[in-house]
Amino acid sequence: MATSRREPDRRRQIIGRRGEDAAADHLEKSGWQVLERNWRCRYGELDLIALDGDVLVAVEVKTRTGTTFGDPAAAVTADKYRRLRRLIQLWLAQQQRRWPAVRFDVIAVSIDSTGRAHLRHLRGVF
């Protein structure tokens, strides 16, 4: 039986969604307020936008199921940071409210062979 070309993409989407769900749950359990999930515009997507007290935080979530492609957090490069910075500026321009500070965090999610998600929250990476 032939494997569909879309299968790897679908699997990647499922894994990514699982990581984002785990990250959002982690933030909410930590007392944060998640304002947006998967905010999109023509320039890209912000995974999570949340409030840590009165600090607005753009959270990039990177999820992996193995070590073949390295540490999930290593996928957030300088180019990715520039893109995220542009995206959060566009998001902020649409808001009525202002925040005293904006921060960028990364949540690296590793899903083990049992399906359990392990999170590492890196604060203020940019």
C-alpha atoms as a PDB file:
ATOM      1  CA  MET A   1       0.000   0.000   0.000  1.00  0.00           C
ATOM      2  CA  ALA A   2       1.410   3.387  -1.011  1.00  0.00           C
ATOM      3  CA  THR A   3       1.943   6.065   1.608  1.00  0.00           C
ATOM      4  CA  SER A   4       0.295   9.385   0.900  1.00  0.00           C
ATOM      5  CA  ARG A   5       2.596  12.377   0.423  1.00  0.00           C
ATOM      6  CA  ARG A   6       0.376  14.262   2.828  1.00  0.00           C
ATOM      7  CA  GLU A   7       0.889  11.769   5.640  1.00  0.00           C
ATOM      8  CA  PRO A   8       4.191  13.269   6.898  1.00  0.00           C
ATOM      9  CA  ASP A   9       2.676  16.760   6.797  1.00  0.00           C
ATOM     10  CA  ARG A  10      -0.396  15.576   8.701  1.00  0.00           C
ATOM     11  CA  ARG A  11       1.781  13.798  11.275  1.00  0.00           C
ATOM     12  CA  ARG A  12       3.871  16.953  11.717  1.00  0.00           C
ATOM     13  CA  GLN A  13       0.715  19.027  12.230  1.00  0.00           C
ATOM     14  CA  ILE A  14      -0.562  16.588  14.866  1.00  0.00           C
ATOM     15  CA  ILE A  15       2.769  16.643  16.702  1.00  0.00           C
ATOM     16  CA  GLY A  16       2.917  20.446  16.509  1.00  0.00           C
ATOM     17  CA  ARG A  17      -0.640  20.780  17.827  1.00  0.00           C
ATOM     18  CA  ARG A  18       0.170  18.389  20.678  1.00  0.00           C
ATOM     19  CA  GLY A  19       3.179  20.523  21.630  1.00  0.00           C
ATOM     20  CA  GLU A  20       1.209  23.760  21.468  1.00  0.00           C
ATOM     21  CA  ASP A  21      -1.576  22.251  23.591  1.00  0.00           C
ATOM     22  CA  ALA A  22       0.982  21.147  26.200  1.00  0.00           C
ATOM     23  CA  ALA A  23       2.654  24.575  26.158  1.00  0.00           C
ATOM     24  CA  ALA A  24      -0.631  26.476  26.535  1.00  0.00           C
ATOM     25  CA  ASP A  25      -1.663  24.159  29.377  1.00  0.00           C
ATOM     26  CA  HIS A  26       1.714  24.729  31.079  1.00  0.00           C
ATOM     27  CA  LEU A  27       1.339  28.509  30.848  1.00  0.00           C
ATOM     28  CA  GLU A  28      -2.224  28.522  32.161  1.00  0.00           C
ATOM     29  CA  LYS A  29      -1.254  26.239  35.075  1.00  0.00           C
ATOM     30  CA  SER A  30       1.547  28.721  35.817  1.00  0.00           C
ATOM     31  CA  GLY A  31      -1.025  31.503  36.160  1.00  0.00           C
ATOM     32  CA  TRP A  32      -0.527  33.075  32.737  1.00  0.00           C
ATOM     33  CA  GLN A  33      -3.370  34.222  30.521  1.00  0.00           C
ATOM     34  CA  VAL A  34      -3.195  32.939  26.954  1.00  0.00           C
ATOM     35  CA  LEU A  35      -4.575  35.699  24.721  1.00  0.00           C
ATOM     36  CA  GLU A  36      -4.074  34.114  21.286  1.00  0.00           C
ATOM     37  CA  ARG A  37      -3.197  30.746  19.793  1.00  0.00           C
ATOM     38  CA  ASN A  38      -1.915  30.410  16.254  1.00  0.00           C
ATOM     39  CA  TRP A  39      -2.412  34.059  15.320  1.00  0.00           C
ATOM     40  CA  ARG A  40      -1.799  34.337  11.591  1.00  0.00           C
ATOM     41  CA  CYS A  41      -1.290  37.033   9.036  1.00  0.00           C
ATOM     42  CA  ARG A  42       0.210  36.984   5.577  1.00  0.00           C
ATOM     43  CA  TYR A  43       3.736  37.212   7.012  1.00  0.00           C
ATOM     44  CA  GLY A  44       3.528  34.190   9.288  1.00  0.00           C
ATOM     45  CA  GLU A  45       2.186  32.869  12.553  1.00  0.00           C
ATOM     46  CA  LEU A  46       2.666  33.416  16.264  1.00  0.00           C
ATOM     47  CA  ASP A  47       2.153  30.184  18.205  1.00  0.00           C
ATOM     48  CA  LEU A  48       1.053  31.710  21.516  1.00  0.00           C
ATOM     49  CA  ILE A  49       0.590  35.226  22.816  1.00  0.00           C
ATOM     50  CA  ALA A  50       0.215  35.353  26.573  1.00  0.00           C
ATOM     51  CA  LEU A  51       0.380  37.578  29.623  1.00  0.00           C
ATOM     52  CA  ASP A  52       2.913  36.875  32.369  1.00  0.00           C
ATOM     53  CA  GLY A  53       1.587  39.358  34.888  1.00  0.00           C
ATOM     54  CA  ASP A  54       1.579  42.607  32.920  1.00  0.00           C
ATOM     55  CA  VAL A  55       4.296  41.495  30.483  1.00  0.00           C
ATOM     56  CA  LEU A  56       3.144  40.492  27.009  1.00  0.00           C
ATOM     57  CA  VAL A  57       4.955  37.364  25.856  1.00  0.00           C
ATOM     58  CA  ALA A  58       5.191  35.974  22.325  1.00  0.00           C
ATOM     59  CA  VAL A  59       5.859  32.262  22.760  1.00  0.00           C
ATOM     60  CA  GLU A  60       7.399  30.151  20.018  1.00  0.00           C
ATOM     61  CA  VAL A  61       6.691  26.442  20.548  1.00  0.00           C
ATOM     62  CA  LYS A  62       9.018  23.871  18.995  1.00  0.00           C
ATOM     63  CA  THR A  63       8.082  20.206  19.275  1.00  0.00           C
ATOM     64  CA  ARG A  64      10.108  17.095  18.469  1.00  0.00           C
ATOM     65  CA  THR A  65       9.540  13.374  18.911  1.00  0.00           C
ATOM     66  CA  GLY A  66      13.194  12.430  18.723  1.00  0.00           C
ATOM     67  CA  THR A  67      16.719  13.785  18.528  1.00  0.00           C
ATOM     68  CA  THR A  68      17.247  13.319  14.779  1.00  0.00           C
ATOM     69  CA  PHE A  69      16.803  17.047  14.147  1.00  0.00           C
ATOM     70  CA  GLY A  70      18.448  18.139  17.404  1.00  0.00           C
ATOM     71  CA  ASP A  71      17.114  20.104  20.319  1.00  0.00           C
ATOM     72  CA  PRO A  72      13.744  21.728  19.573  1.00  0.00           C
ATOM     73  CA  ALA A  73      14.877  25.127  20.896  1.00  0.00           C
ATOM     74  CA  ALA A  74      17.820  25.177  18.471  1.00  0.00           C
ATOM     75  CA  ALA A  75      15.321  25.568  15.621  1.00  0.00           C
ATOM     76  CA  VAL A  76      14.656  29.153  16.723  1.00  0.00           C
ATOM     77  CA  THR A  77      17.298  31.015  14.732  1.00  0.00           C
ATOM     78  CA  ALA A  78      18.109  34.696  14.301  1.00  0.00           C
ATOM     79  CA  ASP A  79      15.979  34.704  11.127  1.00  0.00           C
ATOM     80  CA  LYS A  80      13.064  33.236  13.071  1.00  0.00           C
ATOM     81  CA  TYR A  81      13.504  35.904  15.747  1.00  0.00           C
ATOM     82  CA  ARG A  82      13.335  38.684  13.145  1.00  0.00           C
ATOM     83  CA  ARG A  83      10.149  37.173  11.751  1.00  0.00           C
ATOM     84  CA  LEU A  84       8.615  36.851  15.236  1.00  0.00           C
ATOM     85  CA  ARG A  85       9.529  40.429  16.061  1.00  0.00           C
ATOM     86  CA  ARG A  86       7.784  41.667  12.920  1.00  0.00           C
ATOM     87  CA  LEU A  87       4.731  39.528  13.667  1.00  0.00           C
ATOM     88  CA  ILE A  88       4.360  40.754  17.248  1.00  0.00           C
ATOM     89  CA  GLN A  89       4.640  44.354  16.004  1.00  0.00           C
ATOM     90  CA  LEU A  90       1.800  43.693  13.559  1.00  0.00           C
ATOM     91  CA  TRP A  91      -0.277  42.050  16.291  1.00  0.00           C
ATOM     92  CA  LEU A  92       0.363  44.954  18.666  1.00  0.00           C
ATOM     93  CA  ALA A  93      -0.700  47.465  16.006  1.00  0.00           C
ATOM     94  CA  GLN A  94      -4.143  45.816  15.951  1.00  0.00           C
ATOM     95  CA  GLN A  95      -4.645  46.047  19.707  1.00  0.00           C
ATOM     96  CA  GLN A  96      -6.400  48.745  21.704  1.00  0.00           C
ATOM     97  CA  ARG A  97      -4.397  47.977  24.825  1.00  0.00           C
ATOM     98  CA  ARG A  98      -0.705  48.665  25.462  1.00  0.00           C
ATOM     99  CA  TRP A  99       1.716  46.712  27.647  1.00  0.00           C
ATOM    100  CA  PRO A 100       4.727  48.023  29.592  1.00  0.00           C
ATOM    101  CA  ALA A 101       7.006  45.266  28.264  1.00  0.00           C
ATOM    102  CA  VAL A 102       7.132  42.625  25.556  1.00  0.00           C
ATOM    103  CA  ARG A 103       9.210  39.467  25.822  1.00  0.00           C
ATOM    104  CA  PHE A 104       9.957  36.486  23.595  1.00  0.00           C
ATOM    105  CA  ASP A 105      10.017  32.990  25.091  1.00  0.00           C
ATOM    106  CA  VAL A 106      10.560  29.564  23.596  1.00  0.00           C
ATOM    107  CA  ILE A 107       8.941  26.408  24.875  1.00  0.00           C
ATOM    108  CA  ALA A 108      10.782  23.304  23.673  1.00  0.00           C
ATOM    109  CA  VAL A 109       8.573  20.221  23.780  1.00  0.00           C
ATOM    110  CA  SER A 110       9.930  16.695  23.489  1.00  0.00           C
ATOM    111  CA  ILE A 111       7.371  13.934  23.107  1.00  0.00           C
ATOM    112  CA  ASP A 112       8.711  10.593  24.274  1.00  0.00           C
ATOM    113  CA  SER A 113       7.900   7.136  22.922  1.00  0.00           C
ATOM    114  CA  THR A 114       4.972   6.796  25.340  1.00  0.00           C
ATOM    115  CA  GLY A 115       3.426  10.038  24.034  1.00  0.00           C
ATOM    116  CA  ARG A 116       4.266  12.039  27.141  1.00  0.00           C
ATOM    117  CA  ALA A 117       5.293  15.670  26.574  1.00  0.00           C
ATOM    118  CA  HIS A 118       8.346  17.072  28.367  1.00  0.00           C
ATOM    119  CA  LEU A 119       8.627  20.865  28.363  1.00  0.00           C
ATOM    120  CA  ARG A 120      11.535  23.239  28.770  1.00  0.00           C
ATOM    121  CA  HIS A 121      10.506  26.899  29.047  1.00  0.00           C
ATOM    122  CA  LEU A 122      13.204  29.365  28.005  1.00  0.00           C
ATOM    123  CA  ARG A 123      12.281  32.881  29.083  1.00  0.00           C
ATOM    124  CA  GLY A 124      13.467  36.075  27.471  1.00  0.00           C
ATOM    125  CA  VAL A 125      15.426  34.381  24.709  1.00  0.00           C
ATOM    126  CA  PHE A 126      15.438  37.529  22.562  1.00  0.00           C
END
